[in-house]
Amino acid sequence: MSVVQKGEKKFGIDPLTGKLLIGPVRVPMPQSRAGRITTGVLLVCGGTLGFLPILGFWMVPLGLLVLSHDLPAVRRKRRRIALWWARRQARKNGADRSAPK
C-alpha cells in the first residue's frame, strides 16, 4: 500500500496502476479477472454480514467498486450513481451559495 499524492483521485481504481484508491491509501488488486471478480463477490457477501465483528457494511460498496472494473452492468450502475451524487452535491452547493448571509 502507498499514499496518494496531493491532487490525485481519492476513490476508485487507478487506470494506470490498476490499484484500488481508498482515500489516501492504494491497495493492489489481483491481476486476473477471476481474482478480481472473486474478491468483489467476497467483499459484497462479507458486507451483508456487517453486523458481525470485523466485517462491516462498508465492504458492500467496496466490493461493487471492484466488480465494476470487470462487469459492465455494475460499471453502468456505478456511473449512474456517481453522476446522481455529483448533481446532488452541485445542487446542494449551489443552494448554499445563493442563501443570504
PDB file of N, CA and C in Angstrom:
ATOM      1  N   MET A   1       0.850  -1.182   0.000  1.00  0.00           N
ATOM      2  CA  MET A   1       0.000   0.000   0.000  1.00  0.00           C
ATOM      3  C   MET A   1       0.892   1.239   0.000  1.00  0.00           C
ATOM      4  N   SER A   2       0.437   2.256  -0.696  1.00  0.00           N
ATOM      5  CA  SER A   2       1.173   3.514  -0.730  1.00  0.00           C
ATOM      6  C   SER A   2       0.194   4.673  -0.589  1.00  0.00           C
ATOM      7  N   VAL A   3       0.738   5.842  -0.358  1.00  0.00           N
ATOM      8  CA  VAL A   3      -0.088   7.022  -0.130  1.00  0.00           C
ATOM      9  C   VAL A   3      -0.274   7.781  -1.437  1.00  0.00           C
ATOM     10  N   VAL A   4      -1.489   8.302  -1.668  1.00  0.00           N
ATOM     11  CA  VAL A   4      -1.816   9.067  -2.869  1.00  0.00           C
ATOM     12  C   VAL A   4      -1.213  10.459  -2.762  1.00  0.00           C
ATOM     13  N   GLN A   5      -0.666  10.961  -3.869  1.00  0.00           N
ATOM     14  CA  GLN A   5      -0.114  12.305  -3.908  1.00  0.00           C
ATOM     15  C   GLN A   5      -1.234  13.338  -3.884  1.00  0.00           C
ATOM     16  N   LYS A   6      -0.914  14.541  -3.466  1.00  0.00           N
ATOM     17  CA  LYS A   6      -1.891  15.615  -3.383  1.00  0.00           C
ATOM     18  C   LYS A   6      -2.463  15.927  -4.765  1.00  0.00           C
ATOM     19  N   GLY A   7      -3.793  16.094  -4.845  1.00  0.00           N
ATOM     20  CA  GLY A   7      -4.451  16.434  -6.094  1.00  0.00           C
ATOM     21  C   GLY A   7      -4.868  15.229  -6.913  1.00  0.00           C
ATOM     22  N   GLU A   8      -4.569  14.015  -6.449  1.00  0.00           N
ATOM     23  CA  GLU A   8      -4.957  12.827  -7.196  1.00  0.00           C
ATOM     24  C   GLU A   8      -6.354  12.378  -6.797  1.00  0.00           C
ATOM     25  N   LYS A   9      -6.912  11.494  -7.602  1.00  0.00           N
ATOM     26  CA  LYS A   9      -8.226  10.913  -7.355  1.00  0.00           C
ATOM     27  C   LYS A   9      -8.239  10.240  -5.983  1.00  0.00           C
ATOM     28  N   LYS A  10      -9.338  10.381  -5.244  1.00  0.00           N
ATOM     29  CA  LYS A  10      -9.366   9.876  -3.883  1.00  0.00           C
ATOM     30  C   LYS A  10     -10.133   8.576  -3.721  1.00  0.00           C
ATOM     31  N   PHE A  11     -10.925   8.163  -4.730  1.00  0.00           N
ATOM     32  CA  PHE A  11     -11.710   6.951  -4.587  1.00  0.00           C
ATOM     33  C   PHE A  11     -11.925   6.336  -5.955  1.00  0.00           C
ATOM     34  N   GLY A  12     -11.629   5.074  -6.097  1.00  0.00           N
ATOM     35  CA  GLY A  12     -11.830   4.408  -7.373  1.00  0.00           C
ATOM     36  C   GLY A  12     -10.660   3.515  -7.726  1.00  0.00           C
ATOM     37  N   ILE A  13     -10.553   3.184  -8.994  1.00  0.00           N
ATOM     38  CA  ILE A  13      -9.477   2.333  -9.478  1.00  0.00           C
ATOM     39  C   ILE A  13      -8.580   3.165 -10.382  1.00  0.00           C
ATOM     40  N   ASP A  14      -7.305   3.192 -10.058  1.00  0.00           N
ATOM     41  CA  ASP A  14      -6.338   3.935 -10.866  1.00  0.00           C
ATOM     42  C   ASP A  14      -6.127   3.187 -12.179  1.00  0.00           C
ATOM     43  N   PRO A  15      -6.472   3.789 -13.331  1.00  0.00           N
ATOM     44  CA  PRO A  15      -6.347   3.075 -14.603  1.00  0.00           C
ATOM     45  C   PRO A  15      -4.903   2.785 -15.003  1.00  0.00           C
ATOM     46  N   LEU A  16      -3.950   3.554 -14.513  1.00  0.00           N
ATOM     47  CA  LEU A  16      -2.552   3.344 -14.876  1.00  0.00           C
ATOM     48  C   LEU A  16      -1.919   2.181 -14.114  1.00  0.00           C
ATOM     49  N   THR A  17      -2.170   2.113 -12.817  1.00  0.00           N
ATOM     50  CA  THR A  17      -1.533   1.084 -11.993  1.00  0.00           C
ATOM     51  C   THR A  17      -2.459  -0.082 -11.684  1.00  0.00           C
ATOM     52  N   GLY A  18      -3.780   0.109 -11.836  1.00  0.00           N
ATOM     53  CA  GLY A  18      -4.723  -0.952 -11.510  1.00  0.00           C
ATOM     54  C   GLY A  18      -4.936  -1.116 -10.021  1.00  0.00           C
ATOM     55  N   LYS A  19      -4.501  -0.143  -9.232  1.00  0.00           N
ATOM     56  CA  LYS A  19      -4.667  -0.222  -7.777  1.00  0.00           C
ATOM     57  C   LYS A  19      -5.964   0.438  -7.362  1.00  0.00           C
ATOM     58  N   LEU A  20      -6.535  -0.055  -6.288  1.00  0.00           N
ATOM     59  CA  LEU A  20      -7.761   0.486  -5.722  1.00  0.00           C
ATOM     60  C   LEU A  20      -7.400   1.646  -4.808  1.00  0.00           C
ATOM     61  N   LEU A  21      -8.002   2.819  -5.062  1.00  0.00           N
ATOM     62  CA  LEU A  21      -7.738   4.010  -4.251  1.00  0.00           C
ATOM     63  C   LEU A  21      -8.856   4.183  -3.241  1.00  0.00           C
ATOM     64  N   ILE A  22      -8.485   4.200  -1.975  1.00  0.00           N
ATOM     65  CA  ILE A  22      -9.450   4.413  -0.895  1.00  0.00           C
ATOM     66  C   ILE A  22      -8.886   5.531  -0.032  1.00  0.00           C
ATOM     67  N   GLY A  23      -9.350   6.745  -0.305  1.00  0.00           N
ATOM     68  CA  GLY A  23      -8.797   7.903   0.399  1.00  0.00           C
ATOM     69  C   GLY A  23      -7.320   8.029   0.070  1.00  0.00           C
ATOM     70  N   PRO A  24      -6.470   8.114   1.093  1.00  0.00           N
ATOM     71  CA  PRO A  24      -5.034   8.277   0.837  1.00  0.00           C
ATOM     72  C   PRO A  24      -4.288   6.957   0.629  1.00  0.00           C
ATOM     73  N   VAL A  25      -4.988   5.825   0.592  1.00  0.00           N
ATOM     74  CA  VAL A  25      -4.350   4.513   0.533  1.00  0.00           C
ATOM     75  C   VAL A  25      -4.560   3.861  -0.836  1.00  0.00           C
ATOM     76  N   ARG A  26      -3.508   3.215  -1.357  1.00  0.00           N
ATOM     77  CA  ARG A  26      -3.593   2.438  -2.600  1.00  0.00           C
ATOM     78  C   ARG A  26      -3.458   0.965  -2.243  1.00  0.00           C
ATOM     79  N   VAL A  27      -4.426   0.159  -2.674  1.00  0.00           N
ATOM     80  CA  VAL A  27      -4.413  -1.270  -2.398  1.00  0.00           C
ATOM     81  C   VAL A  27      -4.285  -2.004  -3.726  1.00  0.00           C
ATOM     82  N   PRO A  28      -3.291  -2.893  -3.860  1.00  0.00           N
ATOM     83  CA  PRO A  28      -3.160  -3.629  -5.110  1.00  0.00           C
ATOM     84  C   PRO A  28      -4.321  -4.596  -5.306  1.00  0.00           C
ATOM     85  N   MET A  29      -4.773  -4.720  -6.552  1.00  0.00           N
ATOM     86  CA  MET A  29      -5.849  -5.646  -6.885  1.00  0.00           C
ATOM     87  C   MET A  29      -5.258  -6.831  -7.627  1.00  0.00           C
ATOM     88  N   PRO A  30      -5.945  -7.981  -7.586  1.00  0.00           N
ATOM     89  CA  PRO A  30      -5.441  -9.141  -8.333  1.00  0.00           C
ATOM     90  C   PRO A  30      -5.320  -8.828  -9.825  1.00  0.00           C
ATOM     91  N   GLN A  31      -4.329  -9.426 -10.483  1.00  0.00           N
ATOM     92  CA  GLN A  31      -4.104  -9.194 -11.904  1.00  0.00           C
ATOM     93  C   GLN A  31      -5.130  -9.917 -12.774  1.00  0.00           C
ATOM     94  N   SER A  32      -5.606 -11.080 -12.321  1.00  0.00           N
ATOM     95  CA  SER A  32      -6.529 -11.862 -13.139  1.00  0.00           C
ATOM     96  C   SER A  32      -7.968 -11.380 -12.952  1.00  0.00           C
ATOM     97  N   ARG A  33      -8.731 -11.486 -14.013  1.00  0.00           N
ATOM     98  CA  ARG A  33     -10.143 -11.103 -13.975  1.00  0.00           C
ATOM     99  C   ARG A  33     -10.899 -11.953 -12.954  1.00  0.00           C
ATOM    100  N   ALA A  34     -10.622 -13.264 -12.939  1.00  0.00           N
ATOM    101  CA  ALA A  34     -11.296 -14.162 -11.994  1.00  0.00           C
ATOM    102  C   ALA A  34     -10.969 -13.786 -10.553  1.00  0.00           C
ATOM    103  N   GLY A  35      -9.740 -13.377 -10.303  1.00  0.00           N
ATOM    104  CA  GLY A  35      -9.345 -12.959  -8.953  1.00  0.00           C
ATOM    105  C   GLY A  35     -10.076 -11.702  -8.515  1.00  0.00           C
ATOM    106  N   ARG A  36     -10.218 -10.743  -9.441  1.00  0.00           N
ATOM    107  CA  ARG A  36     -10.935  -9.510  -9.100  1.00  0.00           C
ATOM    108  C   ARG A  36     -12.411  -9.779  -8.859  1.00  0.00           C
ATOM    109  N   ILE A  37     -13.020 -10.623  -9.697  1.00  0.00           N
ATOM    110  CA  ILE A  37     -14.437 -10.937  -9.517  1.00  0.00           C
ATOM    111  C   ILE A  37     -14.649 -11.682  -8.206  1.00  0.00           C
ATOM    112  N   THR A  38     -13.775 -12.629  -7.904  1.00  0.00           N
ATOM    113  CA  THR A  38     -13.883 -13.367  -6.636  1.00  0.00           C
ATOM    114  C   THR A  38     -13.737 -12.422  -5.450  1.00  0.00           C
ATOM    115  N   THR A  39     -12.759 -11.529  -5.514  1.00  0.00           N
ATOM    116  CA  THR A  39     -12.561 -10.559  -4.431  1.00  0.00           C
ATOM    117  C   THR A  39     -13.793  -9.673  -4.263  1.00  0.00           C
ATOM    118  N   GLY A  40     -14.345  -9.177  -5.364  1.00  0.00           N
ATOM    119  CA  GLY A  40     -15.528  -8.321  -5.295  1.00  0.00           C
ATOM    120  C   GLY A  40     -16.727  -9.048  -4.715  1.00  0.00           C
ATOM    121  N   VAL A  41     -16.951 -10.279  -5.154  1.00  0.00           N
ATOM    122  CA  VAL A  41     -18.088 -11.056  -4.637  1.00  0.00           C
ATOM    123  C   VAL A  41     -17.908 -11.334  -3.150  1.00  0.00           C
ATOM    124  N   LEU A  42     -16.690 -11.684  -2.732  1.00  0.00           N
ATOM    125  CA  LEU A  42     -16.443 -11.937  -1.305  1.00  0.00           C
ATOM    126  C   LEU A  42     -16.653 -10.676  -0.466  1.00  0.00           C
ATOM    127  N   LEU A  43     -16.236  -9.535  -0.985  1.00  0.00           N
ATOM    128  CA  LEU A  43     -16.457  -8.282  -0.248  1.00  0.00           C
ATOM    129  C   LEU A  43     -17.947  -7.978  -0.098  1.00  0.00           C
ATOM    130  N   VAL A  44     -18.715  -8.161  -1.172  1.00  0.00           N
ATOM    131  CA  VAL A  44     -20.158  -7.904  -1.105  1.00  0.00           C
ATOM    132  C   VAL A  44     -20.817  -8.877  -0.127  1.00  0.00           C
ATOM    133  N   CYS A  45     -20.463 -10.161  -0.225  1.00  0.00           N
ATOM    134  CA  CYS A  45     -21.048 -11.157   0.684  1.00  0.00           C
ATOM    135  C   CYS A  45     -20.656 -10.878   2.134  1.00  0.00           C
ATOM    136  N   GLY A  46     -19.392 -10.509   2.347  1.00  0.00           N
ATOM    137  CA  GLY A  46     -18.949 -10.171   3.700  1.00  0.00           C
ATOM    138  C   GLY A  46     -19.645  -8.925   4.223  1.00  0.00           C
ATOM    139  N   GLY A  47     -19.934  -7.993   3.341  1.00  0.00           N
ATOM    140  CA  GLY A  47     -20.630  -6.771   3.750  1.00  0.00           C
ATOM    141  C   GLY A  47     -22.058  -7.022   4.183  1.00  0.00           C
ATOM    142  N   THR A  48     -22.691  -8.055   3.624  1.00  0.00           N
ATOM    143  CA  THR A  48     -24.057  -8.370   4.060  1.00  0.00           C
ATOM    144  C   THR A  48     -24.065  -8.932   5.469  1.00  0.00           C
ATOM    145  N   LEU A  49     -22.901  -9.362   5.954  1.00  0.00           N
ATOM    146  CA  LEU A  49     -22.774  -9.839   7.331  1.00  0.00           C
ATOM    147  C   LEU A  49     -22.158  -8.755   8.210  1.00  0.00           C
ATOM    148  N   GLY A  50     -22.467  -7.519   7.916  1.00  0.00           N
ATOM    149  CA  GLY A  50     -21.869  -6.374   8.583  1.00  0.00           C
ATOM    150  C   GLY A  50     -22.148  -6.266  10.058  1.00  0.00           C
ATOM    151  N   PHE A  51     -23.122  -6.981  10.547  1.00  0.00           N
ATOM    152  CA  PHE A  51     -23.438  -6.921  11.970  1.00  0.00           C
ATOM    153  C   PHE A  51     -22.441  -7.737  12.798  1.00  0.00           C
ATOM    154  N   LEU A  52     -21.614  -8.557  12.141  1.00  0.00           N
ATOM    155  CA  LEU A  52     -20.607  -9.356  12.836  1.00  0.00           C
ATOM    156  C   LEU A  52     -19.343  -8.528  13.052  1.00  0.00           C
ATOM    157  N   PRO A  53     -18.537  -8.894  14.063  1.00  0.00           N
ATOM    158  CA  PRO A  53     -17.276  -8.175  14.281  1.00  0.00           C
ATOM    159  C   PRO A  53     -16.350  -8.306  13.067  1.00  0.00           C
ATOM    160  N   ILE A  54     -15.548  -7.322  12.817  1.00  0.00           N
ATOM    161  CA  ILE A  54     -14.564  -7.195  11.736  1.00  0.00           C
ATOM    162  C   ILE A  54     -15.234  -6.943  10.391  1.00  0.00           C
ATOM    163  N   LEU A  55     -16.248  -7.729  10.027  1.00  0.00           N
ATOM    164  CA  LEU A  55     -16.956  -7.484   8.782  1.00  0.00           C
ATOM    165  C   LEU A  55     -17.792  -6.224   8.950  1.00  0.00           C
ATOM    166  N   GLY A  56     -18.035  -5.518   7.891  1.00  0.00           N
ATOM    167  CA  GLY A  56     -18.814  -4.294   8.009  1.00  0.00           C
ATOM    168  C   GLY A  56     -19.559  -3.986   6.734  1.00  0.00           C
ATOM    169  N   PHE A  57     -20.554  -3.130   6.863  1.00  0.00           N
ATOM    170  CA  PHE A  57     -21.360  -2.747   5.712  1.00  0.00           C
ATOM    171  C   PHE A  57     -20.542  -1.955   4.697  1.00  0.00           C
ATOM    172  N   TRP A  58     -19.390  -1.409   5.100  1.00  0.00           N
ATOM    173  CA  TRP A  58     -18.504  -0.684   4.198  1.00  0.00           C
ATOM    174  C   TRP A  58     -17.976  -1.584   3.094  1.00  0.00           C
ATOM    175  N   MET A  59     -18.039  -2.892   3.293  1.00  0.00           N
ATOM    176  CA  MET A  59     -17.496  -3.831   2.314  1.00  0.00           C
ATOM    177  C   MET A  59     -18.368  -3.921   1.062  1.00  0.00           C
ATOM    178  N   VAL A  60     -19.656  -3.610   1.168  1.00  0.00           N
ATOM    179  CA  VAL A  60     -20.558  -3.714   0.009  1.00  0.00           C
ATOM    180  C   VAL A  60     -20.163  -2.730  -1.090  1.00  0.00           C
ATOM    181  N   PRO A  61     -20.053  -1.412  -0.815  1.00  0.00           N
ATOM    182  CA  PRO A  61     -19.657  -0.510  -1.903  1.00  0.00           C
ATOM    183  C   PRO A  61     -18.251  -0.782  -2.410  1.00  0.00           C
ATOM    184  N   LEU A  62     -17.355  -1.217  -1.539  1.00  0.00           N
ATOM    185  CA  LEU A  62     -16.003  -1.541  -1.982  1.00  0.00           C
ATOM    186  C   LEU A  62     -16.027  -2.745  -2.921  1.00  0.00           C
ATOM    187  N   GLY A  63     -16.817  -3.753  -2.596  1.00  0.00           N
ATOM    188  CA  GLY A  63     -16.950  -4.919  -3.465  1.00  0.00           C
ATOM    189  C   GLY A  63     -17.561  -4.562  -4.808  1.00  0.00           C
ATOM    190  N   LEU A  64     -18.559  -3.688  -4.788  1.00  0.00           N
ATOM    191  CA  LEU A  64     -19.176  -3.257  -6.047  1.00  0.00           C
ATOM    192  C   LEU A  64     -18.194  -2.455  -6.896  1.00  0.00           C
ATOM    193  N   LEU A  65     -17.350  -1.672  -6.245  1.00  0.00           N
ATOM    194  CA  LEU A  65     -16.331  -0.926  -6.977  1.00  0.00           C
ATOM    195  C   LEU A  65     -15.353  -1.879  -7.653  1.00  0.00           C
ATOM    196  N   VAL A  66     -14.927  -2.913  -6.953  1.00  0.00           N
ATOM    197  CA  VAL A  66     -14.017  -3.905  -7.537  1.00  0.00           C
ATOM    198  C   VAL A  66     -14.709  -4.632  -8.688  1.00  0.00           C
ATOM    199  N   LEU A  67     -15.966  -5.006  -8.500  1.00  0.00           N
ATOM    200  CA  LEU A  67     -16.708  -5.691  -9.554  1.00  0.00           C
ATOM    201  C   LEU A  67     -16.920  -4.797 -10.774  1.00  0.00           C
ATOM    202  N   SER A  68     -17.052  -3.500 -10.558  1.00  0.00           N
ATOM    203  CA  SER A  68     -17.307  -2.582 -11.679  1.00  0.00           C
ATOM    204  C   SER A  68     -16.116  -2.504 -12.633  1.00  0.00           C
ATOM    205  N   HIS A  69     -14.977  -2.955 -12.188  1.00  0.00           N
ATOM    206  CA  HIS A  69     -13.795  -2.960 -13.054  1.00  0.00           C
ATOM    207  C   HIS A  69     -13.950  -3.980 -14.180  1.00  0.00           C
ATOM    208  N   ASP A  70     -14.695  -5.072 -13.947  1.00  0.00           N
ATOM    209  CA  ASP A  70     -14.806  -6.153 -14.918  1.00  0.00           C
ATOM    210  C   ASP A  70     -16.216  -6.418 -15.429  1.00  0.00           C
ATOM    211  N   LEU A  71     -17.237  -6.000 -14.724  1.00  0.00           N
ATOM    212  CA  LEU A  71     -18.606  -6.309 -15.122  1.00  0.00           C
ATOM    213  C   LEU A  71     -19.322  -5.054 -15.622  1.00  0.00           C
ATOM    214  N   PRO A  72     -19.682  -5.005 -16.909  1.00  0.00           N
ATOM    215  CA  PRO A  72     -20.288  -3.801 -17.485  1.00  0.00           C
ATOM    216  C   PRO A  72     -21.584  -3.367 -16.795  1.00  0.00           C
ATOM    217  N   ALA A  73     -22.420  -4.312 -16.362  1.00  0.00           N
ATOM    218  CA  ALA A  73     -23.682  -3.934 -15.718  1.00  0.00           C
ATOM    219  C   ALA A  73     -23.423  -3.197 -14.408  1.00  0.00           C
ATOM    220  N   VAL A  74     -22.465  -3.662 -13.630  1.00  0.00           N
ATOM    221  CA  VAL A  74     -22.123  -2.999 -12.363  1.00  0.00           C
ATOM    222  C   VAL A  74     -21.464  -1.656 -12.646  1.00  0.00           C
ATOM    223  N   ARG A  75     -20.645  -1.590 -13.702  1.00  0.00           N
ATOM    224  CA  ARG A  75     -19.980  -0.339 -14.073  1.00  0.00           C
ATOM    225  C   ARG A  75     -21.000   0.735 -14.444  1.00  0.00           C
ATOM    226  N   ARG A  76     -22.007   0.356 -15.243  1.00  0.00           N
ATOM    227  CA  ARG A  76     -23.044   1.330 -15.632  1.00  0.00           C
ATOM    228  C   ARG A  76     -23.790   1.844 -14.402  1.00  0.00           C
ATOM    229  N   LYS A  77     -24.144   0.951 -13.502  1.00  0.00           N
ATOM    230  CA  LYS A  77     -24.866   1.352 -12.284  1.00  0.00           C
ATOM    231  C   LYS A  77     -23.997   2.278 -11.432  1.00  0.00           C
ATOM    232  N   ARG A  78     -22.692   1.961 -11.320  1.00  0.00           N
ATOM    233  CA  ARG A  78     -21.789   2.807 -10.542  1.00  0.00           C
ATOM    234  C   ARG A  78     -21.687   4.200 -11.143  1.00  0.00           C
ATOM    235  N   ARG A  79     -21.606   4.269 -12.474  1.00  0.00           N
ATOM    236  CA  ARG A  79     -21.525   5.582 -13.132  1.00  0.00           C
ATOM    237  C   ARG A  79     -22.794   6.389 -12.933  1.00  0.00           C
ATOM    238  N   ARG A  80     -23.934   5.735 -13.011  1.00  0.00           N
ATOM    239  CA  ARG A  80     -25.200   6.449 -12.785  1.00  0.00           C
ATOM    240  C   ARG A  80     -25.270   6.993 -11.370  1.00  0.00           C
ATOM    241  N   ILE A  81     -24.853   6.202 -10.402  1.00  0.00           N
ATOM    242  CA  ILE A  81     -24.858   6.659  -9.008  1.00  0.00           C
ATOM    243  C   ILE A  81     -23.870   7.803  -8.824  1.00  0.00           C
ATOM    244  N   ALA A  82     -22.697   7.716  -9.460  1.00  0.00           N
ATOM    245  CA  ALA A  82     -21.701   8.787  -9.349  1.00  0.00           C
ATOM    246  C   ALA A  82     -22.231  10.089  -9.948  1.00  0.00           C
ATOM    247  N   LEU A  83     -22.906  10.003 -11.089  1.00  0.00           N
ATOM    248  CA  LEU A  83     -23.496  11.203 -11.691  1.00  0.00           C
ATOM    249  C   LEU A  83     -24.596  11.779 -10.817  1.00  0.00           C
ATOM    250  N   TRP A  84     -25.448  10.896 -10.290  1.00  0.00           N
ATOM    251  CA  TRP A  84     -26.521  11.352  -9.397  1.00  0.00           C
ATOM    252  C   TRP A  84     -25.926  12.068  -8.184  1.00  0.00           C
ATOM    253  N   TRP A  85     -24.876  11.493  -7.614  1.00  0.00           N
ATOM    254  CA  TRP A  85     -24.258  12.083  -6.428  1.00  0.00           C
ATOM    255  C   TRP A  85     -23.629  13.439  -6.757  1.00  0.00           C
ATOM    256  N   ALA A  86     -22.950  13.535  -7.906  1.00  0.00           N
ATOM    257  CA  ALA A  86     -22.315  14.801  -8.293  1.00  0.00           C
ATOM    258  C   ALA A  86     -23.362  15.886  -8.523  1.00  0.00           C
ATOM    259  N   ARG A  87     -24.457  15.533  -9.192  1.00  0.00           N
ATOM    260  CA  ARG A  87     -25.526  16.515  -9.408  1.00  0.00           C
ATOM    261  C   ARG A  87     -26.155  16.935  -8.096  1.00  0.00           C
ATOM    262  N   ARG A  88     -26.337  15.992  -7.203  1.00  0.00           N
ATOM    263  CA  ARG A  88     -26.919  16.292  -5.889  1.00  0.00           C
ATOM    264  C   ARG A  88     -26.011  17.252  -5.119  1.00  0.00           C
ATOM    265  N   GLN A  89     -24.707  16.981  -5.149  1.00  0.00           N
ATOM    266  CA  GLN A  89     -23.762  17.850  -4.452  1.00  0.00           C
ATOM    267  C   GLN A  89     -23.727  19.236  -5.094  1.00  0.00           C
ATOM    268  N   ALA A  90     -23.798  19.303  -6.426  1.00  0.00           N
ATOM    269  CA  ALA A  90     -23.788  20.594  -7.109  1.00  0.00           C
ATOM    270  C   ALA A  90     -25.026  21.408  -6.750  1.00  0.00           C
ATOM    271  N   ARG A  91     -26.184  20.733  -6.713  1.00  0.00           N
ATOM    272  CA  ARG A  91     -27.414  21.427  -6.303  1.00  0.00           C
ATOM    273  C   ARG A  91     -27.305  21.917  -4.874  1.00  0.00           C
ATOM    274  N   LYS A  92     -26.773  21.072  -4.018  1.00  0.00           N
ATOM    275  CA  LYS A  92     -26.638  21.429  -2.604  1.00  0.00           C
ATOM    276  C   LYS A  92     -25.682  22.608  -2.436  1.00  0.00           C
ATOM    277  N   ASN A  93     -24.549  22.576  -3.130  1.00  0.00           N
ATOM    278  CA  ASN A  93     -23.577  23.659  -3.039  1.00  0.00           C
ATOM    279  C   ASN A  93     -24.106  24.937  -3.677  1.00  0.00           C
ATOM    280  N   GLY A  94     -24.868  24.816  -4.746  1.00  0.00           N
ATOM    281  CA  GLY A  94     -25.469  25.992  -5.379  1.00  0.00           C
ATOM    282  C   GLY A  94     -26.496  26.642  -4.481  1.00  0.00           C
ATOM    283  N   ALA A  95     -27.263  25.843  -3.757  1.00  0.00           N
ATOM    284  CA  ALA A  95     -28.264  26.373  -2.835  1.00  0.00           C
ATOM    285  C   ALA A  95     -27.583  27.065  -1.657  1.00  0.00           C
ATOM    286  N   ASP A  96     -26.446  26.528  -1.202  1.00  0.00           N
ATOM    287  CA  ASP A  96     -25.727  27.135  -0.091  1.00  0.00           C
ATOM    288  C   ASP A  96     -25.149  28.495  -0.470  1.00  0.00           C
ATOM    289  N   ARG A  97     -24.691  28.627  -1.702  1.00  0.00           N
ATOM    290  CA  ARG A  97     -24.080  29.888  -2.143  1.00  0.00           C
ATOM    291  C   ARG A  97     -25.126  30.986  -2.335  1.00  0.00           C
ATOM    292  N   SER A  98     -26.336  30.593  -2.741  1.00  0.00           N
ATOM    293  CA  SER A  98     -27.339  31.605  -3.016  1.00  0.00           C
ATOM    294  C   SER A  98     -28.073  32.068  -1.754  1.00  0.00           C
ATOM    295  N   ALA A  99     -27.860  31.372  -0.643  1.00  0.00           N
ATOM    296  CA  ALA A  99     -28.537  31.752   0.594  1.00  0.00           C
ATOM    297  C   ALA A  99     -27.933  33.057   1.132  1.00  0.00           C
ATOM    298  N   PRO A 100     -28.809  33.972   1.627  1.00  0.00           N
ATOM    299  CA  PRO A 100     -28.297  35.231   2.175  1.00  0.00           C
ATOM    300  C   PRO A 100     -27.492  34.970   3.451  1.00  0.00           C
ATOM    301  N   LYS A 101     -26.497  35.822   3.671  1.00  0.00           N
ATOM    302  CA  LYS A 101     -25.641  35.635   4.866  1.00  0.00           C
ATOM    303  C   LYS A 101     -25.973  36.652   5.914  1.00  0.00           C
TER     304      LYS A 101
END
